[in-house]
Structure formats: structure tokens, C-alpha cells
Amino acid sequence: MIDQSLNQEPSQVSSQASSQASSQVSSQETGQETGQDSGRGLIPINGTHTWLVLYKAFKAVEGNALRSIEACDMCISDFAVLEVLLHKGPTPINRIAKKVLLTSGSITALVDRLEKRSLLERFDDPADRRIRLVRLTEAGRSLIEKAFAEHEKDLDAAVSALDRDELATLVTLLKKLGYGAQARLTSDPAGAATAKPTEGAK
């Protein structure tokens, strides 16, 4: 598990994290990051290149994650719902939908399916009977505990090219990047869609 220091807000991310990231890159990689690419010319260090590197890395790790889940004999949506209930406990169905990024119609159908398999059950919230909660059954808990343990091992292996310190630095910098990009979306929701076309684009 990554230590608690990784839960920092963006304002708490120190310059030490950035210098740590730089010091952990090999001399060959450093040459590439500063624009050298084994005779193929300069690599632009900009937003476009960063996005491409992030996307390729994400797809590679995602491939490992999906293969791991498929090995558990369940689809990713089923796994995601059971995993939420494993770590969050009894949860309202609309909150589960937000966590696993499903529409109200899709989450209802999914919960119905898992309930028919006796993996989870609905019940009234004791504090407010207007609210229906969802929880794991014993069979559901047994299934997802075993599946998640294997999934966790697979993902640890997927990121094993980095040591613990490198992973800590990566997570810190990705949070900083994500907060910054999200702030731009929030402050300027229209973004480039409202930008005037350039001369060549007319």
C-alpha cells in the first residue's frame, strides 16, 4: 500500500517530489526526456507528448487490469460494484452508480443481476427507510475477497518496473497533474471549443 503522504492536496505537493522524479531517471532516459531520441530527432516535451505517454501507459496498465478481472470470471462492471461494497460497506445504489460511472438504468440492471446470483442484497436503511442500501452476501464477500486479492497482485506486478519510491513520486505528480487539468476544466468549461480558428483553419 502507498503511504498516507500520497493523499496530499495539490498545494502540499513539494518541489522535492519533482526533484526526486528527476533523480530517479537513468542517464539514458534523461537524454530522451531532454529531447534526444536515439538519432530520430528531438522529442517535444509538451502537453501533446505528455498526453501520448500517459495514454500509452494507461492502456498498458488497463490491459493488465482487464485480463486480471476476466481471469476471475466476471465482467469489469460486476467487479467494480462488488469491490465498492467490499471496501465501502452497505451503500445506496445511486452512490454506487457514481463511483463506478454507470447510469441509473445500468446500475439497477447490474444490481438485479448480482442479486439473482445471491452475491448482494438490498435492504432498508435503518436510519431512513426511504433509502435502499446494497450490501454483499456471504457468497458475494467470499467471491470478491478472493478476486480482489488476485487482482491486487496482478496490478502490483504490472507496475513493478518502478520501485516503491518511484511509485510514490509518480502518484504524487499524477495527482498534481490531475488537479491542475481538472481546475482548468472547471474554470474554463468551454475551453478550446470557443477559440477562434487560426488563419490556416479558415
Protein backbone atom coordinates (compact mmCIF):
# COMPACT_ATOMS: atom_id res chain seq x y z
CA MET A 1 0.00 0.00 0.00
CA ILE A 2 1.19 3.56 -0.76
CA ASP A 3 1.79 5.58 2.42
CA GLN A 4 -0.56 8.31 3.67
CA SER A 5 1.62 11.11 2.33
CA LEU A 6 0.14 10.44 -1.09
CA ASN A 7 -3.23 11.83 -0.02
CA GLN A 8 -1.88 15.39 -0.07
CA GLU A 9 -3.80 18.18 -1.72
CA PRO A 10 -2.11 19.78 -4.75
CA SER A 11 -0.88 22.73 -2.70
CA GLN A 12 1.02 20.27 -0.48
CA VAL A 13 2.98 18.69 -3.31
CA SER A 14 6.51 19.92 -2.72
CA SER A 15 9.31 20.64 -5.13
CA GLN A 16 11.08 17.68 -3.52
CA ALA A 17 8.74 15.31 -5.40
CA SER A 18 9.74 16.83 -8.71
CA SER A 19 13.46 16.66 -7.94
CA GLN A 20 13.02 13.09 -6.72
CA ALA A 21 11.42 12.14 -10.02
CA SER A 22 14.31 13.67 -11.94
CA SER A 23 16.98 11.95 -9.87
CA GLN A 24 15.39 8.55 -10.39
CA VAL A 25 15.53 8.65 -14.19
CA SER A 26 18.54 6.93 -15.74
CA SER A 27 21.07 8.87 -17.78
CA GLN A 28 19.75 7.35 -20.99
CA GLU A 29 16.16 8.24 -20.14
CA THR A 30 17.24 11.70 -19.10
CA GLY A 31 18.72 12.24 -22.53
CA GLN A 32 15.43 11.29 -24.15
CA GLU A 33 13.39 13.48 -21.83
CA THR A 34 15.51 16.49 -22.73
CA GLY A 35 14.84 15.98 -26.39
CA GLN A 36 17.21 13.26 -27.67
CA ASP A 37 15.70 10.19 -29.30
CA SER A 38 18.46 7.82 -30.46
CA GLY A 39 19.05 9.62 -33.74
CA ARG A 40 15.39 10.09 -34.63
CA GLY A 41 15.40 13.75 -33.75
CA LEU A 42 14.03 15.78 -30.86
CA ILE A 43 11.15 14.66 -28.65
CA PRO A 44 8.93 17.65 -27.81
CA ILE A 45 8.39 17.96 -24.08
CA ASN A 46 4.90 19.46 -24.12
CA GLY A 47 1.27 18.71 -23.39
CA THR A 48 0.75 16.62 -26.52
CA HIS A 49 3.73 14.36 -25.85
CA THR A 50 2.75 14.06 -22.18
CA TRP A 51 -0.77 13.03 -23.15
CA LEU A 52 0.51 10.36 -25.55
CA VAL A 53 2.87 8.90 -22.96
CA LEU A 54 0.13 8.91 -20.31
CA TYR A 55 -2.35 7.31 -22.70
CA LYS A 56 0.02 4.51 -23.73
CA ALA A 57 0.98 3.81 -20.12
CA PHE A 58 -2.69 3.82 -19.09
CA LYS A 59 -3.69 1.39 -21.85
CA ALA A 60 -0.87 -0.98 -20.90
CA VAL A 61 -1.80 -1.00 -17.20
CA GLU A 62 -5.52 -1.18 -18.08
CA GLY A 63 -4.82 -4.25 -20.22
CA ASN A 64 -3.30 -5.98 -17.20
CA ALA A 65 -6.25 -4.93 -15.03
CA LEU A 66 -8.86 -6.20 -17.50
CA ARG A 67 -7.04 -9.51 -18.01
CA SER A 68 -6.89 -9.94 -14.24
CA ILE A 69 -10.63 -9.31 -13.85
CA GLU A 70 -11.53 -11.62 -16.73
CA ALA A 71 -9.50 -14.36 -15.02
CA CYS A 72 -11.90 -14.00 -12.07
CA ASP A 73 -14.76 -14.98 -14.41
CA MET A 74 -16.66 -11.71 -14.12
CA CYS A 75 -17.06 -8.55 -16.18
CA ILE A 76 -15.48 -5.27 -15.14
CA SER A 77 -18.82 -3.71 -14.09
CA ASP A 78 -19.66 -6.62 -11.78
CA PHE A 79 -16.16 -6.50 -10.31
CA ALA A 80 -16.36 -2.73 -9.78
CA VAL A 81 -19.69 -2.90 -7.90
CA LEU A 82 -18.59 -5.79 -5.69
CA GLU A 83 -15.28 -4.02 -4.99
CA VAL A 84 -17.09 -0.84 -3.91
CA LEU A 85 -19.24 -2.82 -1.49
CA LEU A 86 -16.19 -4.70 -0.19
CA HIS A 87 -14.34 -1.51 0.74
CA LYS A 88 -17.22 0.90 1.46
CA GLY A 89 -19.73 -1.43 3.09
CA PRO A 90 -23.52 -1.01 2.59
CA THR A 91 -24.03 1.78 0.06
CA PRO A 92 -27.05 3.47 -1.61
CA ILE A 93 -27.44 2.32 -5.19
CA ASN A 94 -27.16 5.85 -6.62
CA ARG A 95 -23.82 6.35 -4.85
CA ILE A 96 -22.52 3.07 -6.28
CA ALA A 97 -23.54 4.29 -9.76
CA LYS A 98 -21.46 7.46 -9.33
CA LYS A 99 -18.42 5.53 -8.12
CA VAL A 100 -18.45 3.05 -11.00
CA LEU A 101 -19.59 5.60 -13.62
CA LEU A 102 -22.87 3.91 -14.61
CA THR A 103 -26.28 5.40 -15.37
CA SER A 104 -29.21 4.77 -13.03
CA GLY A 105 -30.73 2.32 -15.50
CA SER A 106 -27.49 0.38 -15.95
CA ILE A 107 -26.71 0.14 -12.23
CA THR A 108 -30.24 -1.08 -11.46
CA ALA A 109 -29.96 -3.86 -14.05
CA LEU A 110 -26.50 -4.81 -12.78
CA VAL A 111 -27.60 -4.93 -9.14
CA ASP A 112 -30.64 -7.02 -10.16
CA ARG A 113 -28.32 -9.48 -11.92
CA LEU A 114 -25.92 -9.78 -8.99
CA GLU A 115 -28.82 -10.12 -6.57
CA LYS A 116 -30.20 -13.04 -8.61
CA ARG A 117 -26.78 -14.68 -8.27
CA SER A 118 -27.07 -14.18 -4.48
CA LEU A 119 -23.91 -12.05 -4.43
CA LEU A 120 -25.57 -8.98 -2.92
CA GLU A 121 -28.87 -7.89 -1.42
CA ARG A 122 -30.96 -4.77 -0.97
CA PHE A 123 -32.30 -3.62 2.39
CA ASP A 124 -33.84 -0.54 4.00
CA ASP A 125 -31.53 1.96 5.68
CA PRO A 126 -32.32 1.67 9.44
CA ALA A 127 -31.81 5.43 9.81
CA ASP A 128 -34.07 6.37 6.89
CA ARG A 129 -36.41 3.75 5.46
CA ARG A 130 -36.85 5.83 2.30
CA ILE A 131 -33.29 4.86 1.34
CA ARG A 132 -32.45 1.43 -0.03
CA LEU A 133 -28.93 0.18 0.61
CA VAL A 134 -26.99 -2.60 -1.09
CA ARG A 135 -24.62 -4.97 0.70
CA LEU A 136 -22.62 -8.10 -0.02
CA THR A 137 -23.95 -11.52 0.90
CA GLU A 138 -21.56 -14.07 2.38
CA ALA A 139 -21.18 -15.62 -1.07
CA GLY A 140 -20.51 -12.21 -2.62
CA ARG A 141 -17.94 -11.30 0.01
CA SER A 142 -16.12 -14.60 -0.41
CA LEU A 143 -16.01 -14.16 -4.19
CA ILE A 144 -14.78 -10.56 -4.28
CA GLU A 145 -12.24 -11.01 -1.46
CA LYS A 146 -10.50 -13.78 -3.40
CA ALA A 147 -10.86 -11.96 -6.73
CA PHE A 148 -9.57 -8.66 -5.38
CA ALA A 149 -6.57 -10.30 -3.71
CA GLU A 150 -5.52 -11.79 -7.06
CA HIS A 151 -6.29 -8.52 -8.88
CA GLU A 152 -4.12 -6.59 -6.43
CA LYS A 153 -1.19 -8.97 -7.01
CA ASP A 154 -1.58 -8.65 -10.79
CA LEU A 155 -1.56 -4.85 -10.66
CA ASP A 156 1.46 -4.84 -8.35
CA ALA A 157 3.22 -6.92 -11.00
CA ALA A 158 2.01 -4.57 -13.76
CA VAL A 159 3.72 -1.57 -12.12
CA SER A 160 6.79 -3.47 -10.90
CA ALA A 161 9.05 -1.63 -13.35
CA LEU A 162 9.01 1.15 -10.73
CA ASP A 163 10.27 0.75 -7.18
CA ARG A 164 8.30 1.97 -4.14
CA ASP A 165 9.86 5.44 -4.11
CA GLU A 166 9.28 5.88 -7.85
CA LEU A 167 5.64 4.80 -7.46
CA ALA A 168 5.16 7.27 -4.61
CA THR A 169 6.61 10.07 -6.72
CA LEU A 170 4.55 9.07 -9.76
CA VAL A 171 1.29 9.06 -7.81
CA THR A 172 2.09 12.44 -6.25
CA LEU A 173 2.90 14.01 -9.64
CA LEU A 174 -0.13 12.45 -11.34
CA LYS A 175 -2.37 13.88 -8.62
CA LYS A 176 -0.79 17.31 -9.16
CA LEU A 177 -1.31 16.98 -12.91
CA GLY A 178 -4.89 15.78 -12.50
CA TYR A 179 -5.84 18.57 -10.10
CA GLY A 180 -4.37 21.16 -12.45
CA ALA A 181 -6.13 19.79 -15.53
CA GLN A 182 -9.43 19.50 -13.66
CA ALA A 183 -9.12 23.06 -12.38
CA ARG A 184 -8.81 24.26 -15.98
CA LEU A 185 -11.97 22.38 -16.96
CA THR A 186 -13.81 23.89 -14.02
CA SER A 187 -12.65 27.47 -14.60
CA ASP A 188 -13.00 27.33 -18.40
CA PRO A 189 -15.67 24.71 -19.27
CA ALA A 190 -15.97 25.87 -22.90
CA GLY A 191 -12.20 25.67 -23.43
CA ALA A 192 -10.84 25.40 -26.93
CA ALA A 193 -14.32 24.84 -28.36
CA THR A 194 -14.88 28.62 -28.28
CA ALA A 195 -11.41 29.52 -29.56
CA LYS A 196 -11.23 31.42 -32.84
CA PRO A 197 -9.87 29.39 -35.79
CA THR A 198 -6.35 30.15 -36.94
CA GLU A 199 -5.62 31.61 -40.36
CA GLY A 200 -4.86 28.17 -41.80
CA ALA A 201 -8.02 26.64 -40.36
CA LYS A 202 -10.42 29.02 -42.13
